[in-house]
Protein backbone atom coordinates (compact mmCIF):
# COMPACT_ATOMS: atom_id res chain seq x y z
CA MET A 1 -63.91 52.17 26.92
CA ALA A 2 -60.59 50.66 25.90
CA LYS A 3 -57.92 52.92 24.49
CA LEU A 4 -57.44 52.55 20.71
CA PRO A 5 -53.93 50.98 20.81
CA GLN A 6 -55.09 48.42 23.37
CA LEU A 7 -58.12 47.56 21.28
CA LEU A 8 -56.04 47.14 18.15
CA PHE A 9 -53.62 44.95 20.05
CA ALA A 10 -56.43 42.71 21.25
CA LEU A 11 -57.71 42.41 17.69
CA CYS A 12 -54.22 41.49 16.47
CA LEU A 13 -54.03 38.55 18.86
CA LEU A 14 -57.07 37.08 17.12
CA VAL A 15 -55.71 37.43 13.60
CA THR A 16 -54.99 34.11 11.85
CA ILE A 17 -52.79 34.03 8.76
CA LYS A 18 -53.01 31.15 6.29
CA VAL A 19 -49.54 29.63 5.73
CA GLY A 20 -49.27 26.65 3.38
CA THR A 21 -51.75 24.02 4.48
CA SER A 22 -51.88 25.00 8.13
CA ASP A 23 -53.04 28.02 10.11
CA THR A 24 -50.35 30.06 11.84
CA ILE A 25 -51.20 32.88 14.21
CA LEU A 26 -48.72 35.70 13.90
CA SER A 27 -48.95 37.73 17.07
CA CYS A 28 -46.90 39.01 19.98
CA SER A 29 -48.03 36.04 22.05
CA GLN A 30 -45.99 33.73 19.81
CA THR A 31 -42.73 35.63 19.87
CA PRO A 32 -39.86 34.67 22.22
CA TYR A 33 -40.37 37.92 24.16
CA PRO A 34 -44.12 38.70 24.00
CA GLN A 35 -44.04 41.50 26.58
CA VAL A 36 -41.31 43.33 24.67
CA CYS A 37 -43.30 42.89 21.47
CA SER A 38 -46.47 44.23 23.10
CA SER A 39 -44.77 47.27 24.57
CA MET A 40 -43.18 48.05 21.19
CA LEU A 41 -46.34 47.75 19.14
CA SER A 42 -49.23 48.77 21.35
CA GLY A 43 -48.57 52.47 20.84
CA SER A 44 -47.79 52.32 17.12
CA PRO A 45 -50.11 54.32 14.83
CA LEU A 46 -49.39 51.71 12.13
CA PHE A 47 -50.50 48.79 14.26
CA VAL A 48 -53.52 48.07 12.09
CA GLN A 49 -51.12 46.89 9.36
CA SER A 50 -50.44 43.80 11.42
CA LYS A 51 -53.66 42.28 10.10
CA THR A 52 -51.54 40.84 7.30
CA GLN A 53 -48.62 38.48 7.67
CA THR A 54 -46.18 40.82 5.94
CA GLY A 55 -47.57 43.85 7.76
CA PHE A 56 -47.02 42.28 11.16
CA ARG A 57 -43.44 41.36 10.25
CA ASP A 58 -42.68 44.80 8.85
CA LEU A 59 -44.14 46.49 11.89
CA ILE A 60 -41.94 44.52 14.29
CA LEU A 61 -38.85 45.18 12.18
CA GLN A 62 -39.64 48.88 11.91
CA ALA A 63 -40.17 49.21 15.66
CA THR A 64 -36.86 47.40 16.25
CA LEU A 65 -35.13 49.68 13.73
CA ASP A 66 -36.51 52.76 15.48
CA ARG A 67 -35.08 51.55 18.79
CA ALA A 68 -31.72 50.66 17.24
CA MET A 69 -31.45 54.09 15.63
CA LEU A 70 -32.22 55.82 18.91
CA SER A 71 -29.68 53.66 20.74
CA HIS A 72 -26.99 54.49 18.19
CA LYS A 73 -27.79 58.20 18.37
CA VAL A 74 -27.52 58.26 22.17
CA ALA A 75 -24.26 56.27 22.12
CA LEU A 76 -22.78 58.52 19.43
CA ALA A 77 -23.45 61.61 21.55
CA LYS A 78 -21.68 60.17 24.59
CA ASP A 79 -18.66 62.09 25.83
CA LEU A 80 -15.88 59.50 26.06
CA GLY A 81 -13.53 61.78 27.95
CA SER A 82 -14.15 60.05 31.27
CA PHE A 83 -13.52 56.55 29.87
CA ASP A 84 -10.25 54.68 30.26
CA ASP A 85 -8.59 53.45 27.08
CA ARG A 86 -10.04 49.94 27.33
CA THR A 87 -13.60 51.15 27.70
CA LYS A 88 -13.15 53.70 24.94
CA GLN A 89 -11.96 51.05 22.48
CA ALA A 90 -14.83 48.69 23.31
CA TRP A 91 -17.29 51.60 22.99
CA LEU A 92 -15.96 52.52 19.54
CA ASP A 93 -16.39 48.90 18.42
CA CYS A 94 -19.98 49.03 19.63
CA LEU A 95 -20.64 52.23 17.71
CA GLU A 96 -19.55 50.55 14.48
CA LEU A 97 -21.56 47.45 15.29
CA SER A 98 -24.70 49.36 16.22
CA GLU A 99 -24.48 51.34 12.98
CA ASP A 100 -24.27 48.04 11.12
CA THR A 101 -27.32 46.76 13.01
CA VAL A 102 -29.29 49.77 11.78
CA SER A 103 -28.15 48.96 8.24
CA GLN A 104 -29.06 45.26 8.54
CA LEU A 105 -32.53 46.09 9.84
CA SER A 106 -33.10 48.67 7.11
CA ARG A 107 -32.35 46.27 4.29
CA SER A 108 -34.30 43.47 5.97
CA ILE A 109 -37.40 45.66 5.90
CA SER A 110 -36.99 46.51 2.23
CA SER A 111 -36.08 42.96 1.14
CA THR A 112 -38.56 40.73 -0.66
CA SER A 113 -36.52 37.65 0.33
CA SER A 114 -37.22 36.26 3.81
CA ASP A 115 -34.06 34.15 3.46
CA ASP A 116 -31.91 37.25 2.89
CA ALA A 117 -33.63 39.02 5.77
CA GLN A 118 -32.97 36.09 8.08
CA THR A 119 -29.26 36.31 7.24
CA TRP A 120 -29.16 40.04 7.92
CA LEU A 121 -31.16 39.79 11.14
CA SER A 122 -28.79 37.02 12.29
CA ALA A 123 -25.91 39.41 11.62
CA ALA A 124 -27.60 42.05 13.76
CA ILE A 125 -27.87 39.54 16.63
CA ALA A 126 -24.14 38.78 16.23
CA ASN A 127 -23.40 42.51 16.50
CA GLN A 128 -25.15 42.68 19.88
CA GLN A 129 -23.09 39.80 21.29
CA THR A 130 -19.83 41.13 19.85
CA CYS A 131 -20.43 44.55 21.37
CA ARG A 132 -20.77 42.94 24.79
CA ASN A 133 -17.72 40.71 24.20
CA GLY A 134 -15.46 43.72 23.60
CA PHE A 135 -15.93 44.97 27.17
CA LEU A 136 -15.28 41.45 28.46
CA ASP A 137 -12.16 41.02 26.29
CA LEU A 138 -10.55 44.10 27.78
CA ASP A 139 -11.86 43.59 31.31
CA SER A 140 -13.44 47.05 31.18
CA PRO A 141 -14.74 48.41 34.49
CA PHE A 142 -17.68 50.01 32.66
CA GLN A 143 -21.13 48.75 33.69
CA PHE A 144 -22.14 47.51 30.26
CA LEU A 145 -25.70 46.66 31.27
CA SER A 146 -26.40 50.37 31.70
CA SER A 147 -25.14 51.29 28.22
CA PRO A 148 -27.43 52.50 25.39
CA PHE A 149 -26.37 49.45 23.38
CA LEU A 150 -28.58 47.32 25.63
CA ALA A 151 -31.30 49.92 26.09
CA SER A 152 -34.86 49.45 24.84
CA ASN A 153 -34.54 45.66 24.76
CA ILE A 154 -32.90 45.72 21.34
CA THR A 155 -31.52 42.17 21.64
CA GLU A 156 -34.95 40.82 22.59
CA SER A 157 -36.56 42.83 19.80
CA LEU A 158 -34.13 41.34 17.28
CA SER A 159 -34.94 37.86 18.57
CA ASN A 160 -38.65 38.57 18.03
CA SER A 161 -37.90 39.83 14.52
CA LEU A 162 -36.00 36.63 13.71
CA ALA A 163 -38.89 34.47 14.91
CA VAL A 164 -41.54 36.35 12.94
CA ASN A 165 -39.43 36.52 9.77
CA LYS A 166 -38.69 32.81 10.02
CA ALA A 167 -42.42 32.06 10.06
CA MET A 168 -42.62 33.70 6.66
CA GLU A 169 -39.49 31.90 5.45
CA VAL A 170 -40.92 28.50 6.39
CA ALA A 171 -44.11 29.31 4.51
CA LYS A 172 -42.15 29.89 1.30
CA VAL A 173 -39.48 27.21 1.56
CA SER A 174 -41.47 24.57 -0.28
CA GLY A 175 -41.23 26.62 -3.45
CA ASN A 176 -37.56 27.52 -3.07
CA ASN A 177 -35.25 25.74 -5.50
CA ARG A 178 -31.63 25.95 -4.36
CA ARG A 179 -29.90 23.47 -6.62
CA LEU A 180 -26.43 24.38 -7.72
CA LEU A 181 -25.24 24.82 -11.24
CA SER A 182 -23.66 21.80 -12.88
CA ASP A 183 -20.15 23.29 -12.72
CA GLY A 184 -20.29 23.21 -8.93
CA PHE A 185 -20.68 26.92 -8.17
CA PRO A 186 -23.58 28.38 -6.23
CA ARG A 187 -25.72 30.65 -8.40
CA TRP A 188 -24.80 33.75 -6.45
CA VAL A 189 -21.37 33.70 -8.07
CA SER A 190 -21.87 35.27 -11.49
CA ALA A 191 -20.38 33.92 -14.69
CA ALA A 192 -18.05 36.93 -14.84
CA ASP A 193 -16.71 36.28 -11.34
CA ARG A 194 -16.28 32.59 -12.10
CA LYS A 195 -14.02 33.53 -14.98
CA LEU A 196 -12.03 35.86 -12.74
CA LEU A 197 -11.41 33.15 -10.19
CA GLN A 198 -10.54 30.43 -12.66
CA SER A 199 -8.47 32.52 -15.06
CA SER A 200 -4.70 32.23 -14.93
CA SER A 201 -4.42 35.92 -15.80
CA VAL A 202 -6.73 38.57 -14.39
CA LYS A 203 -6.92 42.14 -15.62
CA ALA A 204 -6.58 44.25 -12.50
CA ASN A 205 -7.87 47.77 -11.96
CA ILE A 206 -5.04 48.46 -9.51
CA VAL A 207 -1.72 46.73 -8.88
CA VAL A 208 -0.03 46.64 -5.47
CA ALA A 209 3.70 45.85 -5.38
CA LYS A 210 6.03 46.05 -2.44
CA ASP A 211 8.95 46.87 -4.73
CA GLY A 212 7.27 49.90 -6.26
CA SER A 213 6.54 48.33 -9.65
CA GLY A 214 2.78 48.71 -9.23
CA ASP A 215 0.36 51.57 -8.64
CA TYR A 216 0.70 51.41 -4.85
CA THR A 217 3.11 49.86 -2.37
CA THR A 218 0.52 49.03 0.32
CA ILE A 219 -2.82 47.25 0.18
CA SER A 220 -4.46 49.89 2.37
CA ALA A 221 -3.54 52.65 -0.07
CA ALA A 222 -4.95 50.65 -2.97
CA VAL A 223 -8.19 50.00 -1.08
CA ALA A 224 -8.56 53.70 -0.29
CA ALA A 225 -7.92 54.59 -3.93
CA SER A 226 -10.48 52.06 -5.15
CA ALA A 227 -13.24 54.04 -3.45
CA LYS A 228 -12.39 57.05 -5.64
CA LEU A 229 -11.49 55.27 -8.88
CA ARG A 230 -14.35 52.85 -9.31
CA GLY A 231 -17.66 53.68 -10.90
CA GLY A 232 -20.79 52.22 -9.38
CA SER A 233 -20.69 48.84 -7.65
CA SER A 234 -19.26 46.67 -10.42
CA ARG A 235 -16.48 44.21 -9.61
CA PHE A 236 -13.17 45.99 -8.87
CA VAL A 237 -9.98 43.92 -8.98
CA ILE A 238 -6.81 44.62 -7.01
CA HIS A 239 -3.76 42.52 -7.86
CA VAL A 240 -1.41 42.19 -4.91
CA LYS A 241 1.99 41.02 -6.14
CA ALA A 242 4.20 38.65 -4.18
CA GLY A 243 5.61 40.13 -1.00
CA VAL A 244 5.03 40.42 2.73
CA TYR A 245 2.67 43.28 3.55
CA ASN A 246 2.91 44.19 7.23
CA GLU A 247 -0.29 46.17 7.66
CA ASN A 248 -3.81 45.99 9.06
CA VAL A 249 -6.33 46.27 6.24
CA GLU A 250 -10.04 47.09 6.49
CA ILE A 251 -12.59 46.77 3.71
CA THR A 252 -15.39 49.04 4.89
CA LYS A 253 -19.12 48.68 4.38
CA SER A 254 -19.18 51.02 1.37
CA MET A 255 -16.49 49.02 -0.46
CA LYS A 256 -18.65 46.40 -2.14
CA ASN A 257 -17.61 43.80 -4.72
CA LEU A 258 -13.87 44.13 -4.26
CA MET A 259 -11.66 41.28 -5.42
CA MET A 260 -8.06 40.74 -4.32
CA VAL A 261 -5.84 38.46 -6.32
CA GLY A 262 -2.48 37.47 -4.93
CA ASP A 263 0.37 35.52 -6.48
CA GLY A 264 -0.36 32.45 -4.39
CA ILE A 265 -0.34 31.06 -0.86
CA ASP A 266 2.84 32.11 0.99
CA ALA A 267 3.81 34.34 -1.94
CA THR A 268 1.42 37.22 -1.22
CA VAL A 269 1.23 37.55 2.56
CA VAL A 270 -0.69 40.07 4.68
CA THR A 271 0.57 39.99 8.24
CA GLY A 272 -0.07 41.67 11.58
CA SER A 273 0.16 40.94 15.29
CA LYS A 274 -2.69 42.72 17.09
CA ASN A 275 -4.12 40.75 20.00
CA VAL A 276 -6.27 40.95 23.10
CA GLN A 277 -3.42 40.68 25.58
CA ASP A 278 -1.82 43.83 24.16
CA GLY A 279 -5.07 45.80 24.38
CA SER A 280 -7.17 45.06 21.31
CA THR A 281 -10.64 43.58 21.32
CA THR A 282 -10.92 40.26 19.49
CA PHE A 283 -13.03 42.03 16.85
CA ARG A 284 -10.40 44.70 16.26
CA SER A 285 -7.38 42.39 16.34
CA ALA A 286 -7.89 41.18 12.76
CA THR A 287 -4.97 41.65 10.37
CA PHE A 288 -7.47 41.79 7.51
CA ALA A 289 -11.10 42.76 8.16
CA ILE A 290 -13.94 42.85 5.63
CA VAL A 291 -17.38 44.40 6.01
CA GLY A 292 -18.25 45.35 2.42
CA ASP A 293 -20.44 42.73 0.74
CA GLY A 294 -19.37 40.54 -2.16
CA PHE A 295 -15.66 40.39 -1.31
CA ILE A 296 -13.52 37.80 -3.12
CA ALA A 297 -9.92 36.77 -2.41
CA ARG A 298 -7.71 34.36 -4.35
CA GLY A 299 -4.13 33.21 -3.85
CA MET A 300 -3.29 35.06 -0.63
CA THR A 301 -2.09 34.31 2.90
CA PHE A 302 -3.56 36.17 5.85
CA GLN A 303 -1.76 35.77 9.15
CA ASN A 304 -1.49 36.98 12.72
CA THR A 305 1.94 36.39 14.25
CA ALA A 306 1.10 37.31 17.86
CA GLY A 307 1.66 33.67 18.84
CA PRO A 308 -0.17 31.37 21.28
CA GLN A 309 1.01 33.29 24.34
CA LYS A 310 -1.01 36.36 23.27
CA HIS A 311 -4.31 34.42 23.16
CA GLN A 312 -7.03 35.91 20.90
CA ALA A 313 -5.38 37.21 17.72
CA VAL A 314 -7.36 37.17 14.48
CA ALA A 315 -5.77 36.76 11.04
CA LEU A 316 -8.93 37.48 9.02
CA ARG A 317 -12.42 38.61 9.97
CA SER A 318 -15.22 38.54 7.41
CA GLY A 319 -18.63 40.09 7.92
CA SER A 320 -19.02 40.35 4.15
CA ASP A 321 -22.22 38.83 2.86
CA LEU A 322 -21.71 36.55 -0.13
CA SER A 323 -17.92 36.52 0.31
CA VAL A 324 -15.66 33.92 -1.30
CA PHE A 325 -12.11 32.80 -0.50
CA TYR A 326 -10.30 30.54 -2.97
CA GLN A 327 -6.82 29.07 -2.64
CA CYS A 328 -6.06 31.19 0.41
CA SER A 329 -4.30 30.46 3.70
CA PHE A 330 -5.14 31.69 7.19
CA LYS A 331 -2.42 31.37 9.81
CA GLY A 332 -2.62 32.05 13.53
CA TYR A 333 -3.11 30.32 16.84
CA GLN A 334 -6.16 31.22 18.94
CA ASP A 335 -9.06 32.70 16.93
CA THR A 336 -7.34 32.61 13.53
CA LEU A 337 -10.32 32.79 11.18
CA TYR A 338 -13.25 34.90 12.38
CA VAL A 339 -16.22 33.93 10.21
CA TYR A 340 -18.06 36.80 11.78
CA SER A 341 -21.48 36.94 10.10
CA GLN A 342 -23.57 36.43 6.94
CA ARG A 343 -22.94 34.01 4.05
CA GLN A 344 -19.36 32.91 3.30
CA PHE A 345 -17.68 30.23 1.19
CA TYR A 346 -14.09 28.90 1.46
CA ARG A 347 -12.69 26.55 -1.17
CA ASN A 348 -9.23 24.94 -1.40
CA CYS A 349 -8.02 26.97 1.56
CA ASP A 350 -5.63 26.16 4.45
CA VAL A 351 -6.47 27.15 8.03
CA TYR A 352 -3.94 26.89 10.88
CA GLY A 353 -4.59 27.36 14.59
CA THR A 354 -4.96 26.04 18.12
CA ILE A 355 -7.95 27.22 20.17
CA ASP A 356 -11.32 28.06 18.56
CA PHE A 357 -9.44 28.86 15.40
CA ILE A 358 -12.48 28.81 13.12
CA PHE A 359 -15.10 30.79 15.01
CA GLY A 360 -17.96 33.24 14.59
CA ASP A 361 -21.64 33.41 13.71
CA ALA A 362 -21.71 33.27 9.92
CA ALA A 363 -23.45 30.78 7.69
CA VAL A 364 -20.24 29.34 6.27
CA VAL A 365 -19.07 26.33 4.31
CA LEU A 366 -15.42 25.31 4.14
CA GLN A 367 -15.10 22.91 1.23
CA SER A 368 -12.03 20.95 0.08
CA CYS A 369 -9.93 22.76 2.68
CA ASN A 370 -6.96 21.66 4.80
CA ILE A 371 -7.40 22.38 8.50
CA TYR A 372 -4.14 22.18 10.43
CA VAL A 373 -4.09 21.89 14.21
CA ARG A 374 -0.97 23.54 15.65
CA LYS A 375 0.95 23.07 18.88
CA PRO A 376 -0.64 25.10 21.71
CA LEU A 377 0.86 26.29 24.97
CA SER A 378 1.50 23.61 27.57
CA ASN A 379 -1.66 22.39 29.32
CA GLN A 380 -3.90 23.84 26.60
CA LYS A 381 -6.42 21.86 24.57
CA ASN A 382 -7.03 22.53 20.90
CA THR A 383 -10.51 23.16 19.49
CA VAL A 384 -10.99 23.56 15.75
CA THR A 385 -14.30 25.43 15.90
CA ALA A 386 -16.32 27.66 18.24
CA GLN A 387 -19.57 28.58 16.53
CA GLY A 388 -21.43 31.55 18.02
CA ARG A 389 -25.17 31.11 17.37
CA THR A 390 -27.08 32.77 20.24
CA ASP A 391 -30.65 32.45 18.96
CA PRO A 392 -32.39 29.27 17.75
CA ASN A 393 -33.89 31.11 14.77
CA GLU A 394 -30.55 32.24 13.34
CA ASN A 395 -29.71 30.56 10.02
CA THR A 396 -26.00 30.35 10.87
CA GLY A 397 -23.46 27.59 11.48
CA ILE A 398 -20.09 26.18 10.39
CA SER A 399 -20.11 23.40 7.80
CA ILE A 400 -16.85 21.59 7.00
CA HIS A 401 -17.28 19.50 3.85
CA ASN A 402 -14.95 17.21 1.94
CA SER A 403 -11.92 18.54 3.77
CA VAL A 404 -8.94 17.29 5.80
CA ILE A 405 -8.37 17.83 9.53
CA THR A 406 -4.84 16.93 10.57
CA ALA A 407 -1.89 17.95 12.74
CA ALA A 408 0.40 20.73 11.56
CA SER A 409 4.11 19.97 11.35
CA ASP A 410 4.86 21.59 14.74
CA LEU A 411 2.30 19.39 16.53
CA ARG A 412 3.00 16.02 14.90
CA PRO A 413 5.95 15.01 17.11
CA SER A 414 3.90 15.57 20.27
CA GLN A 415 0.30 15.20 19.16
CA GLY A 416 -0.19 12.20 21.44
CA SER A 417 0.29 14.43 24.48
CA VAL A 418 -2.05 17.21 23.30
CA LYS A 419 -5.81 16.79 23.25
CA SER A 420 -7.56 18.26 20.23
CA TYR A 421 -11.28 18.43 19.45
CA LEU A 422 -13.57 19.32 16.57
CA GLY A 423 -15.15 22.15 18.52
CA ARG A 424 -16.82 23.52 21.62
CA PRO A 425 -20.03 25.53 22.13
CA TRP A 426 -19.15 29.20 22.38
CA GLN A 427 -22.84 30.12 22.52
CA LYS A 428 -26.06 28.38 23.53
CA TYR A 429 -27.17 27.29 20.04
CA SER A 430 -23.73 26.58 18.60
CA ARG A 431 -24.04 24.65 15.31
CA THR A 432 -21.22 22.84 13.49
CA VAL A 433 -21.33 19.95 11.01
CA VAL A 434 -18.37 17.94 9.67
CA MET A 435 -19.20 15.94 6.51
CA LYS A 436 -17.24 13.59 4.27
CA THR A 437 -14.02 14.86 5.77
CA SER A 438 -10.77 13.03 6.53
CA ILE A 439 -10.11 13.31 10.27
CA ASP A 440 -6.85 11.85 11.50
CA SER A 441 -5.84 10.74 14.97
CA VAL A 442 -5.07 14.30 16.09
CA ILE A 443 -8.75 14.51 17.11
CA ASP A 444 -9.59 12.92 20.47
CA PRO A 445 -12.05 9.99 20.35
CA ALA A 446 -14.60 12.09 22.29
CA GLY A 447 -14.65 14.46 19.32
CA TRP A 448 -16.02 17.54 21.06
CA LEU A 449 -15.20 19.52 24.21
CA GLU A 450 -17.44 21.24 26.78
CA TRP A 451 -17.24 25.01 27.03
CA SER A 452 -18.30 25.27 30.65
CA GLY A 453 -19.85 22.31 32.41
CA SER A 454 -23.24 21.43 30.95
CA PHE A 455 -23.65 24.78 29.13
CA ALA A 456 -25.37 24.36 25.73
CA LEU A 457 -25.06 20.57 25.63
CA ASN A 458 -28.83 20.23 25.16
CA THR A 459 -29.26 23.11 22.74
CA LEU A 460 -26.22 22.86 20.44
CA TYR A 461 -26.24 20.99 17.12
CA TYR A 462 -23.04 19.11 16.34
CA GLY A 463 -23.28 16.68 13.44
CA GLU A 464 -20.92 14.21 11.79
CA TYR A 465 -21.65 12.53 8.48
CA MET A 466 -19.63 9.92 6.57
CA ASN A 467 -16.21 11.09 7.72
CA THR A 468 -13.11 8.93 7.27
CA GLY A 469 -9.70 8.55 8.90
CA SER A 470 -8.33 7.34 12.21
CA GLY A 471 -10.02 10.16 14.13
CA ALA A 472 -13.44 9.80 12.51
CA GLY A 473 -14.80 6.90 14.53
CA THR A 474 -17.95 7.80 16.47
CA SER A 475 -18.21 4.88 18.92
CA ARG A 476 -16.50 6.87 21.69
CA ARG A 477 -17.97 10.27 20.86
CA VAL A 478 -19.65 12.48 23.47
CA THR A 479 -23.21 11.49 24.36
CA TRP A 480 -24.63 15.00 24.60
CA PRO A 481 -28.26 15.44 23.50
CA GLY A 482 -27.15 17.97 20.89
CA HIS A 483 -24.56 15.72 19.20
CA ARG A 484 -25.69 13.71 16.18
CA VAL A 485 -24.10 10.99 14.12
CA ILE A 486 -26.00 11.80 10.95
CA THR A 487 -27.18 8.82 8.92
CA SER A 488 -29.66 10.59 6.66
CA ALA A 489 -28.42 12.15 3.42
CA SER A 490 -31.33 14.58 3.51
CA GLU A 491 -30.35 15.82 6.97
CA ALA A 492 -26.70 16.21 5.96
CA GLY A 493 -27.83 17.89 2.76
CA ARG A 494 -29.18 20.83 4.77
CA PHE A 495 -25.56 21.89 5.37
CA THR A 496 -24.29 21.78 1.80
CA VAL A 497 -23.35 24.87 -0.18
CA GLY A 498 -26.64 24.80 -2.06
CA SER A 499 -29.00 24.44 0.87
CA PHE A 500 -27.13 26.09 3.72
CA LEU A 501 -25.77 29.09 1.82
CA GLY A 502 -28.36 29.39 -0.93
CA GLY A 503 -25.19 29.21 -2.94
CA ASN A 504 -26.81 28.70 -6.32
CA SER A 505 -27.63 32.36 -6.53
CA TRP A 506 -24.23 33.90 -5.79
CA ILE A 507 -21.12 31.67 -5.84
CA PRO A 508 -21.12 31.02 -9.62
CA ALA A 509 -20.28 34.67 -10.17
CA SER A 510 -16.99 34.29 -8.32
CA GLY A 511 -15.61 31.62 -10.57
CA VAL A 512 -14.69 29.41 -7.63
CA PRO A 513 -15.37 25.71 -8.22
CA PHE A 514 -17.59 24.04 -5.66
CA THR A 515 -19.66 20.96 -5.01
CA SER A 516 -23.33 21.74 -4.75
CA GLY A 517 -24.56 18.86 -2.66
CA LEU A 518 -23.01 16.04 -0.69
């Protein structure tokens, strides 16, 4: 006689769930890692719940959450006394990232929106890759493959969760209306936040002033105070007066719906110089890092002054879901703007850099922005983007819309001797689209650069749609299977603020103007 878990598992494989007009079987056999799925679920006392579409999804997510929680607990109990400084720093990054993965899984389970859950599960996948990257950044001697962060097949379990959740998302997409409001903001930006962003005068809860004329003289002190002064999760505004603030700022996970208003680009400047060469992970090198959801910034410059010789050095990292940046500037060289994860929108911003200077695994749109390619070290090639999608079911990518890509002032005299490209595939399913953007001759006719030989050339998605300028011609572009010269407005429309970010539901609240479609 078969054991009960085995019998239930066999029954599950026969379950057919009606989705739309076609039959879709939701079972372990259809996940990317069926053996991992089977081993996770076959012993579960709740396995009978998988006879419904939602039950099967919830069961996989819960089993993945259980494994992630155990992994984090084991890692947290580890005595780090025997680790060298490099390994210790990478380990501490991983602890933060694994805690975030637990959080992303928890809210995915409780969410009624498969689209939201897909965003949060994609963020959890990004955490796994970033944890691994930290040990590589610092050339740690630690055998990462034996760490608890990779135990219990958590990465594979997350991939299975993405696939099953996407099946539900596809079933509902036909009824999902994502049109933007007529004023050009996605709906996720409330009317109140729209007013804040568009108003010439904003009433701040706290004022930061370098000269002592405000409530605090540093941004970090104001951020710490905001956690004690605010009530609930309503929008909290910090005005940062003109000045150069030499500090590393972190907006933690609990600090939701913060807004920072500066006195303008190059007037209010947050600056730092952390970098990989001097012992920081890429993740931790950010001058300004945001994890708390709903962050908004207006009229500020974020920079990392480490310089090209220090390699990876991040000016700003955002892992803030539904974050908005308006009339801001991001200055650095390699890895300037780390669009780390979740949904982000940049409008009327300036981004400066050399190698992979807009990178990460968020679902992000940069609209009406100026992208400036700077002078790199000798014998280096510039790449504007390096998108980090590692799983085909992630809903992430970089979309550059109605913007300008040109040489910065330091590169113009010698741009003919420096090769610059729109991007290269950092990960296997790298996805970047450039639409209705002015691209000047700074960009090489080939357009895109390999990462390593033929890696990802078949699996990436690089699209170009109706761009203009001397560097926009596509006749001499790369001929990779994953590169597309988009001719269909409906295909390009998938990467607009409305469709790609679900922006109707959240950007209007920020007050930032935006174009909904193409």
